[in-house]
C-alpha atoms as a PDB file:
ATOM      1  CA  MET A   1      -0.976  39.470  66.373  1.00  0.00           C
ATOM      2  CA  LYS A   2      -0.144  41.238  63.112  1.00  0.00           C
ATOM      3  CA  ILE A   3       3.567  40.747  63.747  1.00  0.00           C
ATOM      4  CA  LEU A   4       3.082  37.015  64.358  1.00  0.00           C
ATOM      5  CA  GLY A   5       1.097  36.677  61.099  1.00  0.00           C
ATOM      6  CA  ALA A   6       3.795  38.564  59.161  1.00  0.00           C
ATOM      7  CA  ILE A   7       6.486  36.300  60.659  1.00  0.00           C
ATOM      8  CA  PHE A   8       4.545  33.190  59.604  1.00  0.00           C
ATOM      9  CA  ILE A   9       4.108  34.514  56.074  1.00  0.00           C
ATOM     10  CA  VAL A  10       7.845  35.271  55.827  1.00  0.00           C
ATOM     11  CA  LEU A  11       8.675  31.778  57.154  1.00  0.00           C
ATOM     12  CA  ILE A  12       6.293  30.135  54.679  1.00  0.00           C
ATOM     13  CA  LEU A  13       7.850  32.104  51.819  1.00  0.00           C
ATOM     14  CA  ALA A  14      11.337  31.177  53.045  1.00  0.00           C
ATOM     15  CA  ILE A  15      10.361  27.504  53.059  1.00  0.00           C
ATOM     16  CA  GLN A  16       8.710  27.731  49.620  1.00  0.00           C
ATOM     17  CA  TYR A  17      11.681  29.411  47.907  1.00  0.00           C
ATOM     18  CA  PRO A  18      13.906  26.279  47.716  1.00  0.00           C
ATOM     19  CA  LEU A  19      10.871  24.185  46.754  1.00  0.00           C
ATOM     20  CA  TRP A  20      10.138  26.301  43.669  1.00  0.00           C
ATOM     21  CA  LEU A  21      13.410  28.004  42.727  1.00  0.00           C
ATOM     22  CA  GLY A  22      16.159  26.008  44.430  1.00  0.00           C
ATOM     23  CA  LYS A  23      18.530  23.447  42.893  1.00  0.00           C
ATOM     24  CA  GLY A  24      16.104  20.579  43.451  1.00  0.00           C
ATOM     25  CA  GLY A  25      12.983  22.686  43.014  1.00  0.00           C
ATOM     26  CA  TRP A  26       9.964  21.956  40.850  1.00  0.00           C
ATOM     27  CA  LEU A  27      11.010  24.306  38.060  1.00  0.00           C
ATOM     28  CA  HIS A  28      14.462  22.747  37.841  1.00  0.00           C
ATOM     29  CA  VAL A  29      13.001  19.238  37.874  1.00  0.00           C
ATOM     30  CA  ALA A  30      10.550  20.137  35.088  1.00  0.00           C
ATOM     31  CA  ASP A  31      13.387  21.578  32.992  1.00  0.00           C
ATOM     32  CA  VAL A  32      15.555  18.500  33.495  1.00  0.00           C
ATOM     33  CA  ASP A  33      12.591  16.262  32.643  1.00  0.00           C
ATOM     34  CA  ARG A  34      12.028  18.167  29.374  1.00  0.00           C
ATOM     35  CA  LYS A  35      15.721  17.845  28.480  1.00  0.00           C
ATOM     36  CA  LEU A  36      15.611  14.140  29.318  1.00  0.00           C
ATOM     37  CA  ARG A  37      12.643  13.538  26.988  1.00  0.00           C
ATOM     38  CA  THR A  38      14.397  15.419  24.188  1.00  0.00           C
ATOM     39  CA  GLN A  39      17.601  13.423  24.689  1.00  0.00           C
ATOM     40  CA  ARG A  40      15.696  10.118  24.695  1.00  0.00           C
ATOM     41  CA  GLN A  41      14.066  11.021  21.367  1.00  0.00           C
ATOM     42  CA  THR A  42      17.466  11.905  19.927  1.00  0.00           C
ATOM     43  CA  ASN A  43      18.943   8.652  21.238  1.00  0.00           C
ATOM     44  CA  GLU A  44      16.099   6.628  19.726  1.00  0.00           C
ATOM     45  CA  ARG A  45      16.561   8.271  16.324  1.00  0.00           C
ATOM     46  CA  LEU A  46      20.313   7.666  16.442  1.00  0.00           C
ATOM     47  CA  GLN A  47      19.782   4.057  17.518  1.00  0.00           C
ATOM     48  CA  GLN A  48      17.582   3.445  14.481  1.00  0.00           C
ATOM     49  CA  ARG A  49      20.218   5.008  12.221  1.00  0.00           C
ATOM     50  CA  ASN A  50      22.903   2.822  13.812  1.00  0.00           C
ATOM     51  CA  GLN A  51      20.813  -0.301  13.205  1.00  0.00           C
ATOM     52  CA  VAL A  52      20.482   0.595   9.519  1.00  0.00           C
ATOM     53  CA  LEU A  53      24.231   1.199   9.256  1.00  0.00           C
ATOM     54  CA  HIS A  54      24.975  -2.041  11.125  1.00  0.00           C
ATOM     55  CA  ALA A  55      22.774  -3.993   8.700  1.00  0.00           C
ATOM     56  CA  GLU A  56      24.522  -2.343   5.746  1.00  0.00           C
ATOM     57  CA  VAL A  57      27.970  -3.197   7.122  1.00  0.00           C
ATOM     58  CA  ALA A  58      26.901  -6.798   7.756  1.00  0.00           C
ATOM     59  CA  ASP A  59      25.553  -7.023   4.194  1.00  0.00           C
ATOM     60  CA  LEU A  60      28.813  -5.665   2.771  1.00  0.00           C
ATOM     61  CA  LYS A  61      30.814  -8.172   4.823  1.00  0.00           C
ATOM     62  CA  ARG A  62      28.656 -11.122   3.774  1.00  0.00           C
ATOM     63  CA  GLY A  63      28.648 -10.986   0.021  1.00  0.00           C
ATOM     64  CA  TYR A  64      29.777  -9.333  -3.123  1.00  0.00           C
ATOM     65  CA  ASP A  65      26.270  -8.482  -4.353  1.00  0.00           C
ATOM     66  CA  ALA A  66      25.990  -5.471  -2.072  1.00  0.00           C
ATOM     67  CA  ILE A  67      29.495  -4.312  -2.983  1.00  0.00           C
ATOM     68  CA  GLU A  68      28.706  -4.651  -6.686  1.00  0.00           C
ATOM     69  CA  GLU A  69      25.405  -2.813  -6.279  1.00  0.00           C
ATOM     70  CA  ARG A  70      27.117   0.062  -4.467  1.00  0.00           C
ATOM     71  CA  ALA A  71      29.914   0.235  -7.068  1.00  0.00           C
ATOM     72  CA  ARG A  72      27.394   0.390  -9.903  1.00  0.00           C
ATOM     73  CA  GLY A  73      25.036   2.874  -8.261  1.00  0.00           C
ATOM     74  CA  GLU A  74      27.401   5.282  -6.550  1.00  0.00           C
ATOM     75  CA  LEU A  75      30.567   5.006  -8.617  1.00  0.00           C
ATOM     76  CA  GLY A  76      29.139   4.108 -12.040  1.00  0.00           C
ATOM     77  CA  LEU A  77      31.459   1.129 -12.484  1.00  0.00           C
ATOM     78  CA  LEU A  78      30.910  -1.583 -15.118  1.00  0.00           C
ATOM     79  CA  LYS A  79      32.150  -5.110 -15.597  1.00  0.00           C
ATOM     80  CA  ASN A  80      34.681  -5.808 -18.348  1.00  0.00           C
ATOM     81  CA  ASP A  81      32.171  -7.309 -20.788  1.00  0.00           C
ATOM     82  CA  GLU A  82      29.357  -4.805 -20.240  1.00  0.00           C
ATOM     83  CA  VAL A  83      28.245  -1.946 -22.471  1.00  0.00           C
ATOM     84  CA  PHE A  84      26.648   1.138 -20.972  1.00  0.00           C
ATOM     85  CA  PHE A  85      23.566   2.661 -22.630  1.00  0.00           C
ATOM     86  CA  GLN A  86      22.013   5.883 -21.445  1.00  0.00           C
ATOM     87  CA  PHE A  87      18.571   6.920 -22.627  1.00  0.00           C
ATOM     88  CA  VAL A  88      17.762  10.589 -22.461  1.00  0.00           C
ATOM     89  CA  ASP A  89      14.120  11.632 -22.430  1.00  0.00           C
ATOM     90  CA  ALA A  90      13.041  14.322 -24.856  1.00  0.00           C
ATOM     91  CA  PRO A  91      12.226  17.674 -23.265  1.00  0.00           C
ATOM     92  CA  ARG A  92       8.563  18.335 -22.602  1.00  0.00           C
ATOM     93  CA  GLY A  93       6.724  19.850 -25.519  1.00  0.00           C
ATOM     94  CA  ALA A  94       9.285  18.693 -28.083  1.00  0.00           C
ATOM     95  CA  VAL A  95       7.835  16.565 -30.846  1.00  0.00           C
ATOM     96  CA  THR A  96      10.184  13.899 -32.109  1.00  0.00           C
ATOM     97  CA  SER A  97       9.639  10.948 -34.354  1.00  0.00           C
ATOM     98  CA  PRO A  98      12.216   8.357 -35.290  1.00  0.00           C
ATOM     99  CA  THR A  99      11.392   8.507 -39.022  1.00  0.00           C
ATOM    100  CA  SER A 100      10.942  12.214 -39.463  1.00  0.00           C
ATOM    101  CA  THR A 101      11.961  13.641 -42.821  1.00  0.00           C
ATOM    102  CA  PRO A 102      12.680  17.273 -43.510  1.00  0.00           C
ATOM    103  CA  SER A 103       9.851  19.139 -45.161  1.00  0.00           C
ATOM    104  CA  PRO A 104      10.404  20.159 -48.790  1.00  0.00           C
ATOM    105  CA  PRO A 105      11.344  23.758 -49.421  1.00  0.00           C
ATOM    106  CA  ALA A 106       8.506  26.110 -50.284  1.00  0.00           C
ATOM    107  CA  SER A 107       8.174  26.834 -54.032  1.00  0.00           C
ATOM    108  CA  ARG A 108       8.469  30.388 -55.295  1.00  0.00           C
ATOM    109  CA  PRO A 109       6.052  31.763 -57.973  1.00  0.00           C
END
């Protein structure tokens, strides 16, 4: 009877091996499922990026406003009759006044 029980246990283990560790086993299926979810997330993110790029291309094809905006922002281009002004902020802690006059020299006794 002990031999028959041992044979059944070995047969059960032999049947279970492909179920858990084989090519189509549960562990392999779980791993493929995890990879599939990760790939779908990546695809979704790339699809959103492609939609943004497609809209930008369509905007550039449609009119000159987008081209002009890109030329001004990225390349710093100006029209022929434009003058460029750049305002630089004073560093923090520096006191400046537009009508400051130099202080008179100290008198000596």
